[in-house]
C-alpha atoms as a PDB file:
ATOM      1  CA  UNK A   1     121.280  80.644 121.649  1.00  0.00           C
ATOM      2  CA  UNK A   2     122.416  84.619 120.906  1.00  0.00           C
ATOM      3  CA  UNK A   3     123.899  85.892 118.080  1.00  0.00           C
ATOM      4  CA  UNK A   4     125.681  88.971 118.961  1.00  0.00           C
ATOM      5  CA  UNK A   5     123.511  91.368 116.824  1.00  0.00           C
ATOM      6  CA  UNK A   6     120.798  89.816 119.697  1.00  0.00           C
ATOM      7  CA  UNK A   7     123.243  90.391 122.844  1.00  0.00           C
ATOM      8  CA  UNK A   8     123.617  94.252 120.718  1.00  0.00           C
ATOM      9  CA  UNK A   9     119.787  94.901 120.534  1.00  0.00           C
ATOM     10  CA  UNK A  10     119.362  93.693 124.054  1.00  0.00           C
ATOM     11  CA  UNK A  11     122.327  95.579 125.609  1.00  0.00           C
ATOM     12  CA  UNK A  12     124.384  98.072 123.986  1.00  0.00           C
ATOM     13  CA  UNK A  13     122.792 101.680 124.106  1.00  0.00           C
ATOM     14  CA  UNK A  14     124.528 102.591 121.207  1.00  0.00           C
ATOM     15  CA  UNK A  15     122.268 102.348 118.205  1.00  0.00           C
ATOM     16  CA  UNK A  16     125.948 102.527 115.344  1.00  0.00           C
ATOM     17  CA  UNK A  17     126.702  99.210 117.372  1.00  0.00           C
ATOM     18  CA  UNK A  18     123.843  97.300 115.173  1.00  0.00           C
ATOM     19  CA  UNK A  19     124.649  98.872 112.213  1.00  0.00           C
ATOM     20  CA  UNK A  20     128.251  98.030 112.364  1.00  0.00           C
ATOM     21  CA  UNK A  21     127.228  94.368 113.536  1.00  0.00           C
ATOM     22  CA  UNK A  22     124.660  93.661 110.331  1.00  0.00           C
ATOM     23  CA  UNK A  23     127.121  96.085 107.877  1.00  0.00           C
ATOM     24  CA  UNK A  24     129.224  92.764 109.350  1.00  0.00           C
ATOM     25  CA  UNK A  25     127.100  89.947 108.556  1.00  0.00           C
ATOM     26  CA  UNK A  26     124.590  89.782 111.509  1.00  0.00           C
ATOM     27  CA  UNK A  27     121.955  88.290 110.149  1.00  0.00           C
ATOM     28  CA  UNK A  28     118.756  91.151 110.906  1.00  0.00           C
ATOM     29  CA  UNK A  29     115.997  89.221 111.283  1.00  0.00           C
ATOM     30  CA  UNK A  30     117.641  85.944 113.021  1.00  0.00           C
ATOM     31  CA  UNK A  31     115.624  83.818 115.407  1.00  0.00           C
ATOM     32  CA  UNK A  32     117.256  82.334 118.459  1.00  0.00           C
ATOM     33  CA  UNK A  33     115.888  78.953 120.164  1.00  0.00           C
ATOM     34  CA  UNK A  34     112.744  80.855 121.532  1.00  0.00           C
ATOM     35  CA  UNK A  35     112.387  82.730 118.198  1.00  0.00           C
ATOM     36  CA  UNK A  36     113.042  86.306 119.288  1.00  0.00           C
ATOM     37  CA  UNK A  37     115.261  88.189 117.229  1.00  0.00           C
ATOM     38  CA  UNK A  38     117.346  91.470 117.933  1.00  0.00           C
ATOM     39  CA  UNK A  39     114.513  93.598 116.988  1.00  0.00           C
ATOM     40  CA  UNK A  40     112.135  91.681 120.094  1.00  0.00           C
ATOM     41  CA  UNK A  41     115.602  91.542 122.689  1.00  0.00           C
ATOM     42  CA  UNK A  42     115.615  95.743 122.124  1.00  0.00           C
ATOM     43  CA  UNK A  43     112.626  95.851 122.878  1.00  0.00           C
ATOM     44  CA  UNK A  44     112.097  93.866 125.522  1.00  0.00           C
ATOM     45  CA  UNK A  45     114.746  94.918 127.161  1.00  0.00           C
ATOM     46  CA  UNK A  46     117.066  97.855 125.634  1.00  0.00           C
ATOM     47  CA  UNK A  47     116.606 101.771 127.654  1.00  0.00           C
ATOM     48  CA  UNK A  48     117.466 103.123 124.610  1.00  0.00           C
ATOM     49  CA  UNK A  49     114.539 103.385 121.853  1.00  0.00           C
ATOM     50  CA  UNK A  50     116.930 103.930 119.109  1.00  0.00           C
ATOM     51  CA  UNK A  51     118.117 101.366 119.411  1.00  0.00           C
ATOM     52  CA  UNK A  52     114.825 100.139 118.062  1.00  0.00           C
ATOM     53  CA  UNK A  53     114.638 102.970 115.319  1.00  0.00           C
ATOM     54  CA  UNK A  54     118.015 101.972 114.263  1.00  0.00           C
ATOM     55  CA  UNK A  55     116.849  98.221 113.141  1.00  0.00           C
ATOM     56  CA  UNK A  56     113.664  99.200 111.898  1.00  0.00           C
ATOM     57  CA  UNK A  57     115.192 101.223 109.903  1.00  0.00           C
ATOM     58  CA  UNK A  58     117.586  98.363 108.564  1.00  0.00           C
ATOM     59  CA  UNK A  59     115.043  96.436 107.724  1.00  0.00           C
ATOM     60  CA  UNK A  60     114.015  94.112 111.368  1.00  0.00           C
ATOM     61  CA  UNK A  61     110.752  92.849 110.472  1.00  0.00           C
ATOM     62  CA  UNK A  62     108.118  93.900 113.080  1.00  0.00           C
ATOM     63  CA  UNK A  63     105.755  91.765 112.319  1.00  0.00           C
ATOM     64  CA  UNK A  64     107.824  87.985 113.400  1.00  0.00           C
ATOM     65  CA  UNK A  65     106.134  86.340 116.264  1.00  0.00           C
ATOM     66  CA  UNK A  66     108.183  84.488 118.592  1.00  0.00           C
ATOM     67  CA  UNK A  67     107.477  80.366 120.122  1.00  0.00           C
ATOM     68  CA  UNK A  68     105.126  82.339 122.345  1.00  0.00           C
ATOM     69  CA  UNK A  69     103.475  84.717 119.649  1.00  0.00           C
ATOM     70  CA  UNK A  70     104.522  88.019 120.892  1.00  0.00           C
ATOM     71  CA  UNK A  71     105.794  90.362 118.034  1.00  0.00           C
ATOM     72  CA  UNK A  72     108.599  93.215 119.490  1.00  0.00           C
ATOM     73  CA  UNK A  73     105.628  95.694 119.928  1.00  0.00           C
ATOM     74  CA  UNK A  74     104.739  92.734 122.831  1.00  0.00           C
ATOM     75  CA  UNK A  75     107.529  93.135 124.773  1.00  0.00           C
ATOM     76  CA  UNK A  76     108.099  96.951 124.055  1.00  0.00           C
ATOM     77  CA  UNK A  77     104.351  97.272 126.585  1.00  0.00           C
ATOM     78  CA  UNK A  78     105.858  94.698 129.295  1.00  0.00           C
ATOM     79  CA  UNK A  79     109.285  97.332 128.923  1.00  0.00           C
ATOM     80  CA  UNK A  80     109.481  99.872 131.901  1.00  0.00           C
ATOM     81  CA  UNK A  81     112.462 101.494 131.345  1.00  0.00           C
ATOM     82  CA  UNK A  82     111.064 102.707 127.657  1.00  0.00           C
ATOM     83  CA  UNK A  83     107.810 104.436 126.906  1.00  0.00           C
ATOM     84  CA  UNK A  84     106.311 103.074 123.666  1.00  0.00           C
ATOM     85  CA  UNK A  85     104.334 104.800 121.841  1.00  0.00           C
ATOM     86  CA  UNK A  86     101.270 103.598 120.296  1.00  0.00           C
ATOM     87  CA  UNK A  87      99.529 103.720 117.085  1.00  0.00           C
ATOM     88  CA  UNK A  88      96.890 106.212 118.224  1.00  0.00           C
ATOM     89  CA  UNK A  89      99.394 107.796 119.314  1.00  0.00           C
ATOM     90  CA  UNK A  90      99.609 107.861 123.270  1.00  0.00           C
ATOM     91  CA  UNK A  91     102.225 106.098 125.824  1.00  0.00           C
ATOM     92  CA  UNK A  92     101.837 102.869 126.877  1.00  0.00           C
ATOM     93  CA  UNK A  93     104.284 103.522 130.023  1.00  0.00           C
END
């Protein structure tokens, strides 16, 4: 079952909601039944990169892997609504 933080990361374009949810007790790196975290959901589906930045600034772990072995960066590569900057400085999308 997805947590409120997963839903916020996935769908809500306002990064402030992420900070509010964590301050209210949402588990930052909690994983759902597929092993996805809020950071992974944001990377996969959110169109506002500031949501991802907010999650990382408050300590979301980008190295966690889902049950499929994917990281948030892996999911971001397939989010066509989001430009993804690679470690080399080029964009994937």
